[in-house]
């Protein structure tokens, strides 16, 4: 019963995390492409629309808000998985290749969680700071252009981190196919039951 409960929570958290990252990875380019094609004008932001920057800003804002919500989901899923990965060694079979798979899953989780924390609490504050600087000095190219370049560079780093996280989660899924309950106690019980009994 405990094994089933742990596995349900494990797959629910892992699938939600992987699905969320995969959705953003697929949706982000589509959002940017669609907004560029519409070429919107944001009168309350910039006085001019040089090289479709209104569209870039709008698409970046939409994707940024999605990523902020995704980060919250990722942190919850990571917390659940952390607890489960601590419990799993006590209830799953860790013999031979199963132990190797369990270690690989743990390493991939640590890498993915560390990247999410770095992206959320280190990289994204820099991204939004550069974005705000760009907005505040939109009519001053000597300030706005470097801020926009910085914003784009940091956002590319964030996308790269997200791709690595997606790869790590996919690895966790692939190495989770062999998770099975620990039957050590059950085997001992069965041996005791099938052992020949001595007469009185």
N, C-alpha and C. Protein backbone atom coordinates (compact mmCIF):
# COMPACT_ATOMS: atom_id res chain seq x y z
N UNK A 1 0.84 -1.21 0.00
CA UNK A 1 0.00 0.00 0.00
C UNK A 1 0.88 1.26 0.00
N UNK A 2 1.91 1.25 0.86
CA UNK A 2 2.80 2.40 0.92
C UNK A 2 3.53 2.60 -0.41
N UNK A 3 3.98 1.49 -1.00
CA UNK A 3 4.68 1.57 -2.29
C UNK A 3 3.78 2.19 -3.35
N UNK A 4 2.53 1.77 -3.42
CA UNK A 4 1.60 2.30 -4.41
C UNK A 4 1.36 3.79 -4.21
N UNK A 5 1.18 4.19 -2.96
CA UNK A 5 0.95 5.61 -2.67
C UNK A 5 2.16 6.46 -3.07
N UNK A 6 3.35 5.98 -2.72
CA UNK A 6 4.57 6.72 -3.05
C UNK A 6 4.74 6.83 -4.56
N UNK A 7 4.44 5.73 -5.27
CA UNK A 7 4.61 5.75 -6.73
C UNK A 7 3.59 6.65 -7.41
N UNK A 8 2.38 6.69 -6.88
CA UNK A 8 1.37 7.59 -7.45
C UNK A 8 1.82 9.05 -7.31
N UNK A 9 2.29 9.40 -6.13
CA UNK A 9 2.77 10.77 -5.91
C UNK A 9 4.00 11.05 -6.75
N UNK A 10 4.87 10.06 -6.87
CA UNK A 10 6.10 10.23 -7.67
C UNK A 10 5.77 10.53 -9.12
N UNK A 11 4.92 9.71 -9.71
CA UNK A 11 4.59 9.91 -11.13
C UNK A 11 3.74 11.15 -11.36
N UNK A 12 2.88 11.47 -10.41
CA UNK A 12 2.06 12.67 -10.54
C UNK A 12 2.94 13.92 -10.54
N UNK A 13 3.89 14.00 -9.61
CA UNK A 13 4.79 15.15 -9.53
C UNK A 13 5.71 15.22 -10.74
N UNK A 14 6.29 14.08 -11.12
CA UNK A 14 7.23 14.05 -12.24
C UNK A 14 6.52 14.38 -13.56
N UNK A 15 5.33 13.81 -13.77
CA UNK A 15 4.59 14.06 -15.00
C UNK A 15 4.13 15.51 -15.10
N UNK A 16 3.69 16.07 -13.97
CA UNK A 16 3.26 17.47 -13.97
C UNK A 16 4.42 18.40 -14.28
N UNK A 17 5.56 18.15 -13.66
CA UNK A 17 6.76 18.96 -13.90
C UNK A 17 7.21 18.86 -15.35
N UNK A 18 7.33 17.64 -15.84
CA UNK A 18 7.78 17.43 -17.22
C UNK A 18 6.78 18.01 -18.21
N UNK A 19 5.50 17.79 -17.98
CA UNK A 19 4.48 18.31 -18.88
C UNK A 19 4.46 19.82 -18.94
N UNK A 20 4.64 20.46 -17.78
CA UNK A 20 4.65 21.92 -17.75
C UNK A 20 5.82 22.50 -18.52
N UNK A 21 7.01 21.93 -18.31
CA UNK A 21 8.20 22.42 -19.01
C UNK A 21 8.07 22.16 -20.51
N UNK A 22 7.57 20.98 -20.88
CA UNK A 22 7.41 20.66 -22.29
C UNK A 22 6.42 21.61 -22.96
N UNK A 23 5.33 21.92 -22.25
CA UNK A 23 4.34 22.84 -22.81
C UNK A 23 4.94 24.21 -23.10
N UNK A 24 5.70 24.75 -22.13
CA UNK A 24 6.31 26.06 -22.33
C UNK A 24 7.33 26.02 -23.45
N UNK A 25 8.11 24.94 -23.50
CA UNK A 25 9.12 24.81 -24.55
C UNK A 25 8.48 24.80 -25.94
N UNK A 26 7.30 24.20 -26.05
CA UNK A 26 6.61 24.16 -27.34
C UNK A 26 5.84 25.45 -27.60
N UNK A 27 5.22 26.00 -26.55
CA UNK A 27 4.35 27.16 -26.73
C UNK A 27 5.11 28.46 -26.95
N UNK A 28 6.25 28.64 -26.30
CA UNK A 28 6.97 29.91 -26.37
C UNK A 28 7.30 30.34 -27.79
N UNK A 29 7.91 29.48 -28.62
CA UNK A 29 8.20 29.91 -30.00
C UNK A 29 6.94 30.25 -30.79
N UNK A 30 5.85 29.52 -30.52
CA UNK A 30 4.59 29.79 -31.22
C UNK A 30 4.03 31.15 -30.82
N UNK A 31 4.12 31.47 -29.54
CA UNK A 31 3.64 32.77 -29.06
C UNK A 31 4.43 33.90 -29.72
N UNK A 32 5.76 33.80 -29.72
CA UNK A 32 6.59 34.84 -30.33
C UNK A 32 6.29 34.97 -31.82
N UNK A 33 6.14 33.85 -32.52
CA UNK A 33 5.86 33.89 -33.96
C UNK A 33 4.51 34.53 -34.24
N UNK A 34 3.49 34.14 -33.46
CA UNK A 34 2.14 34.66 -33.68
C UNK A 34 2.07 36.16 -33.42
N UNK A 35 2.71 36.61 -32.33
CA UNK A 35 2.68 38.04 -31.99
C UNK A 35 3.45 38.85 -33.02
N UNK A 36 4.58 38.33 -33.50
CA UNK A 36 5.34 39.05 -34.53
C UNK A 36 4.51 39.24 -35.79
N UNK A 37 3.76 38.21 -36.15
CA UNK A 37 2.93 38.31 -37.36
C UNK A 37 1.85 39.36 -37.22
N UNK A 38 1.31 39.51 -36.02
CA UNK A 38 0.27 40.52 -35.79
C UNK A 38 0.85 41.92 -35.69
N UNK A 39 2.13 42.03 -35.30
CA UNK A 39 2.83 43.32 -35.20
C UNK A 39 2.01 44.35 -34.43
N UNK A 40 1.71 44.10 -33.16
CA UNK A 40 0.85 45.01 -32.39
C UNK A 40 1.57 46.31 -32.02
N UNK A 41 0.77 47.29 -31.66
CA UNK A 41 1.27 48.58 -31.18
C UNK A 41 0.82 48.75 -29.73
N UNK A 42 1.76 49.10 -28.86
CA UNK A 42 1.46 49.32 -27.45
C UNK A 42 1.66 50.80 -27.15
N UNK A 43 0.62 51.61 -27.27
CA UNK A 43 0.78 53.06 -27.13
C UNK A 43 1.23 53.51 -25.75
N UNK A 44 0.97 52.72 -24.74
CA UNK A 44 1.35 53.12 -23.39
C UNK A 44 2.78 52.72 -23.01
N UNK A 45 3.49 52.08 -23.93
CA UNK A 45 4.82 51.58 -23.62
C UNK A 45 5.90 52.34 -24.38
N UNK A 46 5.85 52.30 -25.70
CA UNK A 46 6.87 52.95 -26.51
C UNK A 46 6.24 53.99 -27.43
N UNK A 47 6.98 55.01 -27.71
CA UNK A 47 6.47 56.04 -28.62
C UNK A 47 6.64 55.64 -30.07
N UNK A 48 7.53 54.71 -30.34
CA UNK A 48 7.74 54.23 -31.70
C UNK A 48 7.77 52.71 -31.67
N UNK A 49 7.64 52.12 -32.85
CA UNK A 49 7.64 50.66 -32.95
C UNK A 49 8.76 50.24 -33.88
N UNK A 50 9.99 50.39 -33.42
CA UNK A 50 11.14 50.09 -34.25
C UNK A 50 11.37 48.59 -34.31
N UNK A 51 11.45 48.04 -35.52
CA UNK A 51 11.78 46.65 -35.77
C UNK A 51 10.88 45.69 -34.98
N UNK A 52 9.63 46.02 -34.87
CA UNK A 52 8.68 45.13 -34.20
C UNK A 52 8.92 44.94 -32.73
N UNK A 53 9.48 45.93 -32.07
CA UNK A 53 9.80 45.76 -30.65
C UNK A 53 8.56 45.71 -29.76
N UNK A 54 7.48 46.28 -30.21
CA UNK A 54 6.24 46.16 -29.45
C UNK A 54 5.82 44.70 -29.36
N UNK A 55 5.87 44.02 -30.51
CA UNK A 55 5.50 42.61 -30.53
C UNK A 55 6.43 41.77 -29.68
N UNK A 56 7.73 42.04 -29.77
CA UNK A 56 8.71 41.30 -28.97
C UNK A 56 8.44 41.49 -27.47
N UNK A 57 8.13 42.73 -27.11
CA UNK A 57 7.87 43.03 -25.71
C UNK A 57 6.61 42.33 -25.22
N UNK A 58 5.55 42.37 -26.04
CA UNK A 58 4.29 41.73 -25.65
C UNK A 58 4.48 40.22 -25.52
N UNK A 59 5.12 39.60 -26.51
CA UNK A 59 5.34 38.16 -26.46
C UNK A 59 6.22 37.78 -25.27
N UNK A 60 7.26 38.58 -25.02
CA UNK A 60 8.13 38.31 -23.88
C UNK A 60 7.40 38.41 -22.56
N UNK A 61 6.46 39.36 -22.47
CA UNK A 61 5.68 39.51 -21.24
C UNK A 61 4.77 38.30 -21.02
N UNK A 62 4.13 37.84 -22.10
CA UNK A 62 3.24 36.68 -22.00
C UNK A 62 4.03 35.44 -21.57
N UNK A 63 5.14 35.20 -22.27
CA UNK A 63 5.96 34.03 -21.95
C UNK A 63 6.55 34.16 -20.54
N UNK A 64 6.96 35.36 -20.17
CA UNK A 64 7.50 35.58 -18.84
C UNK A 64 6.50 35.26 -17.75
N UNK A 65 5.25 35.67 -17.94
CA UNK A 65 4.21 35.37 -16.95
C UNK A 65 3.93 33.87 -16.88
N UNK A 66 3.98 33.20 -18.03
CA UNK A 66 3.81 31.75 -18.04
C UNK A 66 4.96 31.07 -17.30
N UNK A 67 6.17 31.56 -17.52
CA UNK A 67 7.34 30.97 -16.86
C UNK A 67 7.29 31.20 -15.35
N UNK A 68 6.78 32.35 -14.95
CA UNK A 68 6.66 32.62 -13.51
C UNK A 68 5.70 31.63 -12.85
N UNK A 69 4.57 31.36 -13.52
CA UNK A 69 3.63 30.38 -12.98
C UNK A 69 4.22 28.97 -13.04
N UNK A 70 4.94 28.68 -14.12
CA UNK A 70 5.59 27.37 -14.23
C UNK A 70 6.59 27.16 -13.10
N UNK A 71 7.34 28.20 -12.76
CA UNK A 71 8.34 28.09 -11.70
C UNK A 71 7.68 27.71 -10.37
N UNK A 72 6.52 28.26 -10.09
CA UNK A 72 5.81 27.91 -8.86
C UNK A 72 5.43 26.43 -8.87
N UNK A 73 4.95 25.96 -10.01
CA UNK A 73 4.59 24.54 -10.14
C UNK A 73 5.82 23.66 -10.00
N UNK A 74 6.93 24.10 -10.61
CA UNK A 74 8.16 23.32 -10.54
C UNK A 74 8.65 23.18 -9.10
N UNK A 75 8.58 24.25 -8.34
CA UNK A 75 9.04 24.21 -6.96
C UNK A 75 8.20 23.25 -6.12
N UNK A 76 6.89 23.24 -6.35
CA UNK A 76 6.01 22.31 -5.62
C UNK A 76 6.34 20.87 -6.01
N UNK A 77 6.47 20.62 -7.32
CA UNK A 77 6.78 19.27 -7.79
C UNK A 77 8.14 18.81 -7.27
N UNK A 78 9.11 19.71 -7.27
CA UNK A 78 10.45 19.37 -6.79
C UNK A 78 10.42 19.03 -5.30
N UNK A 79 9.63 19.76 -4.53
CA UNK A 79 9.52 19.48 -3.09
C UNK A 79 8.91 18.10 -2.85
N UNK A 80 7.87 17.78 -3.62
CA UNK A 80 7.23 16.45 -3.48
C UNK A 80 8.21 15.35 -3.86
N UNK A 81 8.93 15.54 -4.98
CA UNK A 81 9.88 14.53 -5.44
C UNK A 81 11.03 14.36 -4.45
N UNK A 82 11.45 15.44 -3.83
CA UNK A 82 12.52 15.35 -2.85
C UNK A 82 12.14 14.42 -1.70
N UNK A 83 10.93 14.60 -1.18
CA UNK A 83 10.45 13.73 -0.10
C UNK A 83 10.36 12.28 -0.57
N UNK A 84 9.84 12.09 -1.76
CA UNK A 84 9.66 10.73 -2.28
C UNK A 84 10.99 10.05 -2.52
N UNK A 85 11.96 10.77 -3.07
CA UNK A 85 13.27 10.18 -3.33
C UNK A 85 13.99 9.81 -2.03
N UNK A 86 13.65 10.47 -0.95
CA UNK A 86 14.20 10.10 0.36
C UNK A 86 13.55 8.81 0.87
N UNK A 87 12.25 8.66 0.60
CA UNK A 87 11.51 7.49 1.08
C UNK A 87 11.77 6.26 0.20
N UNK A 88 11.90 6.45 -1.10
CA UNK A 88 11.97 5.34 -2.04
C UNK A 88 13.01 4.26 -1.71
N UNK A 89 14.23 4.61 -1.33
CA UNK A 89 15.23 3.55 -1.08
C UNK A 89 14.80 2.53 -0.03
N UNK A 90 13.87 2.89 0.84
CA UNK A 90 13.43 1.98 1.90
C UNK A 90 12.32 1.04 1.43
N UNK A 91 11.70 1.33 0.29
CA UNK A 91 10.55 0.52 -0.12
C UNK A 91 10.67 -0.05 -1.53
N UNK A 92 11.74 0.31 -2.26
CA UNK A 92 11.90 -0.21 -3.62
C UNK A 92 13.07 -1.17 -3.68
N UNK A 93 13.09 -1.96 -4.74
CA UNK A 93 14.18 -2.90 -4.96
C UNK A 93 15.40 -2.13 -5.46
N UNK A 94 16.50 -2.19 -4.73
CA UNK A 94 17.71 -1.47 -5.12
C UNK A 94 18.87 -2.42 -5.40
N UNK A 95 18.55 -3.61 -5.86
CA UNK A 95 19.61 -4.56 -6.19
C UNK A 95 20.10 -4.35 -7.62
N UNK A 96 21.40 -4.59 -7.83
CA UNK A 96 22.02 -4.61 -9.15
C UNK A 96 21.76 -3.31 -9.91
N UNK A 97 21.17 -3.44 -11.12
CA UNK A 97 20.96 -2.27 -11.98
C UNK A 97 19.90 -1.33 -11.42
N UNK A 98 19.03 -1.83 -10.54
CA UNK A 98 18.02 -0.96 -9.94
C UNK A 98 18.67 0.13 -9.09
N UNK A 99 19.76 -0.22 -8.43
CA UNK A 99 20.48 0.76 -7.62
C UNK A 99 21.10 1.84 -8.51
N UNK A 100 21.68 1.41 -9.62
CA UNK A 100 22.27 2.38 -10.57
C UNK A 100 21.21 3.34 -11.10
N UNK A 101 20.05 2.79 -11.45
CA UNK A 101 18.96 3.63 -11.95
C UNK A 101 18.48 4.61 -10.88
N UNK A 102 18.40 4.15 -9.64
CA UNK A 102 17.97 5.02 -8.55
C UNK A 102 18.96 6.16 -8.33
N UNK A 103 20.25 5.86 -8.42
CA UNK A 103 21.26 6.90 -8.27
C UNK A 103 21.17 7.91 -9.40
N UNK A 104 21.00 7.42 -10.63
CA UNK A 104 20.89 8.32 -11.79
C UNK A 104 19.66 9.21 -11.67
N UNK A 105 18.55 8.65 -11.22
CA UNK A 105 17.34 9.46 -11.04
C UNK A 105 17.58 10.57 -10.02
N UNK A 106 18.25 10.22 -8.95
CA UNK A 106 18.53 11.21 -7.90
C UNK A 106 19.44 12.32 -8.41
N UNK A 107 20.48 11.94 -9.14
CA UNK A 107 21.41 12.94 -9.69
C UNK A 107 20.68 13.86 -10.66
N UNK A 108 19.87 13.29 -11.54
CA UNK A 108 19.12 14.11 -12.50
C UNK A 108 18.15 15.04 -11.79
N UNK A 109 17.53 14.56 -10.73
CA UNK A 109 16.62 15.41 -9.96
C UNK A 109 17.37 16.58 -9.35
N UNK A 110 18.53 16.30 -8.75
CA UNK A 110 19.31 17.36 -8.10
C UNK A 110 19.71 18.42 -9.13
N UNK A 111 20.14 17.98 -10.32
CA UNK A 111 20.53 18.93 -11.37
C UNK A 111 19.33 19.77 -11.80
N UNK A 112 18.19 19.11 -12.05
CA UNK A 112 17.00 19.83 -12.49
C UNK A 112 16.53 20.83 -11.43
N UNK A 113 16.49 20.40 -10.18
CA UNK A 113 16.03 21.29 -9.10
C UNK A 113 16.98 22.47 -8.93
N UNK A 114 18.29 22.22 -9.01
CA UNK A 114 19.27 23.30 -8.87
C UNK A 114 19.12 24.32 -9.99
N UNK A 115 18.88 23.85 -11.20
CA UNK A 115 18.71 24.76 -12.33
C UNK A 115 17.44 25.59 -12.20
N UNK A 116 16.38 24.97 -11.70
CA UNK A 116 15.13 25.71 -11.49
C UNK A 116 15.32 26.80 -10.45
N UNK A 117 16.01 26.48 -9.36
CA UNK A 117 16.27 27.48 -8.32
C UNK A 117 17.14 28.62 -8.85
N UNK A 118 18.17 28.27 -9.63
CA UNK A 118 19.05 29.29 -10.19
C UNK A 118 18.30 30.18 -11.16
N UNK A 119 17.43 29.57 -11.97
CA UNK A 119 16.66 30.34 -12.95
C UNK A 119 15.67 31.26 -12.25
N UNK A 120 15.00 30.71 -11.26
CA UNK A 120 13.93 31.47 -10.59
C UNK A 120 14.46 32.62 -9.74
N UNK A 121 15.52 32.34 -8.97
CA UNK A 121 15.95 33.31 -7.96
C UNK A 121 17.21 34.08 -8.35
N UNK A 122 17.87 33.70 -9.42
CA UNK A 122 19.08 34.41 -9.85
C UNK A 122 18.92 35.04 -11.23
N UNK A 123 18.47 34.23 -12.18
CA UNK A 123 18.42 34.71 -13.56
C UNK A 123 17.22 35.60 -13.83
N UNK A 124 16.03 35.18 -13.38
CA UNK A 124 14.83 35.95 -13.72
C UNK A 124 14.79 37.34 -13.09
N UNK A 125 15.29 37.55 -11.88
CA UNK A 125 15.37 38.94 -11.40
C UNK A 125 16.20 39.83 -12.32
N UNK A 126 17.27 39.30 -12.89
CA UNK A 126 18.09 40.07 -13.83
C UNK A 126 17.31 40.35 -15.11
N UNK A 127 16.55 39.36 -15.56
CA UNK A 127 15.77 39.53 -16.80
C UNK A 127 14.73 40.63 -16.64
N UNK A 128 13.98 40.58 -15.54
CA UNK A 128 12.92 41.57 -15.35
C UNK A 128 13.48 42.96 -15.04
N UNK A 129 14.65 43.00 -14.42
CA UNK A 129 15.30 44.28 -14.19
C UNK A 129 15.70 44.93 -15.51
N UNK A 130 16.28 44.13 -16.41
CA UNK A 130 16.66 44.64 -17.72
C UNK A 130 15.44 45.04 -18.53
N UNK A 131 14.36 44.27 -18.41
CA UNK A 131 13.12 44.62 -19.11
C UNK A 131 12.57 45.95 -18.62
N UNK A 132 12.56 46.14 -17.30
CA UNK A 132 12.03 47.38 -16.75
C UNK A 132 12.90 48.57 -17.14
N UNK A 133 14.21 48.36 -17.17
CA UNK A 133 15.10 49.44 -17.60
C UNK A 133 14.85 49.81 -19.05
N UNK A 134 14.58 48.82 -19.85
CA UNK A 134 14.25 49.05 -21.27
C UNK A 134 12.96 49.86 -21.40
N UNK A 135 11.96 49.51 -20.59
CA UNK A 135 10.69 50.23 -20.65
C UNK A 135 10.84 51.67 -20.16
N UNK A 136 11.58 51.84 -19.08
CA UNK A 136 11.72 53.16 -18.48
C UNK A 136 12.49 54.13 -19.38
N UNK A 137 13.34 53.60 -20.25
CA UNK A 137 14.17 54.45 -21.12
C UNK A 137 13.94 54.12 -22.59
N UNK A 138 12.67 53.83 -22.92
CA UNK A 138 12.36 53.41 -24.28
C UNK A 138 12.71 54.46 -25.32
N UNK A 139 12.62 55.73 -24.95
CA UNK A 139 12.90 56.81 -25.90
C UNK A 139 14.35 57.29 -25.81
N UNK A 140 15.18 56.55 -25.09
CA UNK A 140 16.60 56.89 -24.99
C UNK A 140 17.42 55.70 -25.49
N UNK A 141 17.70 55.66 -26.79
CA UNK A 141 18.36 54.50 -27.39
C UNK A 141 19.68 54.13 -26.74
N UNK A 142 20.44 55.12 -26.27
CA UNK A 142 21.73 54.82 -25.68
C UNK A 142 21.61 54.00 -24.39
N UNK A 143 20.44 54.05 -23.74
CA UNK A 143 20.18 53.26 -22.54
C UNK A 143 19.30 52.05 -22.86
N UNK A 144 18.31 52.28 -23.71
CA UNK A 144 17.34 51.22 -24.01
C UNK A 144 17.96 50.07 -24.79
N UNK A 145 18.81 50.37 -25.75
CA UNK A 145 19.39 49.30 -26.59
C UNK A 145 20.27 48.33 -25.80
N UNK A 146 21.19 48.83 -24.95
CA UNK A 146 21.95 47.88 -24.12
C UNK A 146 21.08 47.08 -23.16
N UNK A 147 20.03 47.72 -22.64
CA UNK A 147 19.12 47.01 -21.74
C UNK A 147 18.38 45.90 -22.48
N UNK A 148 17.96 46.20 -23.73
CA UNK A 148 17.28 45.19 -24.54
C UNK A 148 18.23 44.04 -24.88
N UNK A 149 19.47 44.35 -25.20
CA UNK A 149 20.45 43.29 -25.49
C UNK A 149 20.68 42.41 -24.27
N UNK A 150 20.77 43.07 -23.11
CA UNK A 150 20.96 42.32 -21.86
C UNK A 150 19.75 41.44 -21.58
N UNK A 151 18.57 41.98 -21.79
CA UNK A 151 17.33 41.23 -21.60
C UNK A 151 17.31 40.00 -22.50
N UNK A 152 17.64 40.18 -23.77
CA UNK A 152 17.62 39.06 -24.72
C UNK A 152 18.65 38.00 -24.35
N UNK A 153 19.85 38.43 -23.94
CA UNK A 153 20.91 37.49 -23.59
C UNK A 153 20.52 36.66 -22.37
N UNK A 154 19.97 37.31 -21.35
CA UNK A 154 19.59 36.58 -20.15
C UNK A 154 18.40 35.66 -20.41
N UNK A 155 17.51 36.08 -21.28
CA UNK A 155 16.37 35.23 -21.61
C UNK A 155 16.81 33.98 -22.37
N UNK A 156 17.83 34.12 -23.23
CA UNK A 156 18.37 32.95 -23.93
C UNK A 156 18.99 31.97 -22.93
N UNK A 157 19.65 32.50 -21.91
CA UNK A 157 20.21 31.63 -20.87
C UNK A 157 19.09 30.86 -20.16
N UNK A 158 17.99 31.56 -19.90
CA UNK A 158 16.86 30.92 -19.23
C UNK A 158 16.28 29.81 -20.08
N UNK A 159 16.19 30.04 -21.38
CA UNK A 159 15.67 29.01 -22.29
C UNK A 159 16.61 27.80 -22.30
N UNK A 160 17.90 28.05 -22.29
CA UNK A 160 18.88 26.95 -22.26
C UNK A 160 18.73 26.13 -20.99
N UNK A 161 18.58 26.81 -19.85
CA UNK A 161 18.38 26.09 -18.59
C UNK A 161 17.11 25.25 -18.63
N UNK A 162 16.05 25.81 -19.22
CA UNK A 162 14.79 25.08 -19.30
C UNK A 162 14.95 23.83 -20.16
N UNK A 163 15.72 23.91 -21.23
CA UNK A 163 15.95 22.75 -22.08
C UNK A 163 16.73 21.67 -21.34
N UNK A 164 17.70 22.09 -20.52
CA UNK A 164 18.47 21.12 -19.74
C UNK A 164 17.56 20.46 -18.71
N UNK A 165 16.71 21.24 -18.06
CA UNK A 165 15.76 20.69 -17.09
C UNK A 165 14.85 19.66 -17.77
N UNK A 166 14.37 19.99 -18.96
CA UNK A 166 13.51 19.07 -19.71
C UNK A 166 14.25 17.76 -19.99
N UNK A 167 15.51 17.86 -20.36
CA UNK A 167 16.32 16.67 -20.63
C UNK A 167 16.52 15.84 -19.36
N UNK A 168 16.76 16.49 -18.23
CA UNK A 168 16.94 15.78 -16.97
C UNK A 168 15.66 15.06 -16.56
N UNK A 169 14.53 15.72 -16.72
CA UNK A 169 13.25 15.10 -16.35
C UNK A 169 12.94 13.92 -17.26
N UNK A 170 13.26 14.07 -18.53
CA UNK A 170 13.06 12.95 -19.45
C UNK A 170 13.93 11.76 -19.04
N UNK A 171 15.15 12.05 -18.62
CA UNK A 171 16.01 10.99 -18.12
C UNK A 171 15.44 10.30 -16.90
N UNK A 172 14.86 11.09 -16.00
CA UNK A 172 14.22 10.50 -14.82
C UNK A 172 13.09 9.56 -15.22
N UNK A 173 12.32 9.97 -16.21
CA UNK A 173 11.21 9.12 -16.67
C UNK A 173 11.75 7.82 -17.25
N UNK A 174 12.78 7.92 -18.07
CA UNK A 174 13.34 6.73 -18.72
C UNK A 174 13.93 5.75 -17.70
N UNK A 175 14.54 6.28 -16.65
CA UNK A 175 15.16 5.42 -15.64
C UNK A 175 14.20 5.07 -14.50
N UNK A 176 12.92 5.36 -14.68
CA UNK A 176 11.93 5.01 -13.66
C UNK A 176 11.12 3.79 -14.04
N UNK A 177 11.39 3.25 -15.22
CA UNK A 177 10.61 2.11 -15.68
C UNK A 177 10.86 0.83 -14.89
N UNK A 178 11.99 0.76 -14.20
CA UNK A 178 12.32 -0.48 -13.48
C UNK A 178 12.05 -0.39 -11.98
N UNK A 179 11.31 0.62 -11.55
CA UNK A 179 11.02 0.73 -10.12
C UNK A 179 10.05 -0.37 -9.72
N UNK A 180 10.45 -1.14 -8.75
CA UNK A 180 9.61 -2.23 -8.25
C UNK A 180 9.72 -2.29 -6.74
N UNK A 181 8.72 -2.86 -6.08
CA UNK A 181 8.76 -2.90 -4.61
C UNK A 181 9.85 -3.83 -4.10
N UNK A 182 10.30 -3.54 -2.91
CA UNK A 182 11.29 -4.38 -2.26
C UNK A 182 10.60 -5.61 -1.68
N UNK A 183 10.92 -6.79 -2.23
CA UNK A 183 10.25 -8.01 -1.78
C UNK A 183 11.08 -8.80 -0.79
N UNK A 184 12.10 -8.14 -0.22
CA UNK A 184 12.96 -8.86 0.72
C UNK A 184 12.19 -9.49 1.86
N UNK A 185 11.32 -8.65 2.48
CA UNK A 185 10.54 -9.17 3.61
C UNK A 185 9.55 -10.23 3.19
N UNK A 186 8.95 -10.06 2.01
CA UNK A 186 7.99 -11.02 1.50
C UNK A 186 8.63 -12.36 1.21
N UNK A 187 9.88 -12.34 0.64
CA UNK A 187 10.56 -13.58 0.32
C UNK A 187 10.90 -14.35 1.58
N UNK A 188 11.32 -13.62 2.62
CA UNK A 188 11.62 -14.28 3.89
C UNK A 188 10.40 -14.96 4.47
N UNK A 189 9.26 -14.26 4.38
CA UNK A 189 8.01 -14.82 4.89
C UNK A 189 7.61 -16.06 4.11
N UNK A 190 7.74 -16.00 2.76
CA UNK A 190 7.37 -17.15 1.93
C UNK A 190 8.28 -18.33 2.22
N UNK A 191 9.57 -18.09 2.41
CA UNK A 191 10.50 -19.18 2.71
C UNK A 191 10.15 -19.85 4.03
N UNK A 192 9.75 -19.01 4.99
CA UNK A 192 9.37 -19.57 6.29
C UNK A 192 8.13 -20.44 6.18
N UNK A 193 7.20 -20.02 5.29
CA UNK A 193 5.95 -20.75 5.16
C UNK A 193 6.15 -22.06 4.41
N UNK A 194 7.08 -22.07 3.42
CA UNK A 194 7.28 -23.26 2.60
C UNK A 194 8.32 -24.20 3.17
N UNK A 195 9.05 -23.76 4.21
CA UNK A 195 10.08 -24.64 4.79
C UNK A 195 9.43 -25.84 5.47
N UNK A 196 10.03 -27.01 5.32
CA UNK A 196 9.43 -28.20 5.96
C UNK A 196 9.42 -28.07 7.48
N UNK A 197 8.32 -28.45 8.07
CA UNK A 197 8.16 -28.35 9.51
C UNK A 197 8.55 -29.65 10.17
N UNK A 198 9.26 -29.53 11.27
CA UNK A 198 9.68 -30.70 12.02
C UNK A 198 8.52 -31.23 12.85
N UNK A 199 8.46 -32.52 12.95
CA UNK A 199 7.41 -33.15 13.73
C UNK A 199 7.64 -32.97 15.22
N UNK A 200 6.65 -33.24 15.98
CA UNK A 200 6.78 -33.09 17.44
C UNK A 200 7.79 -34.07 18.00
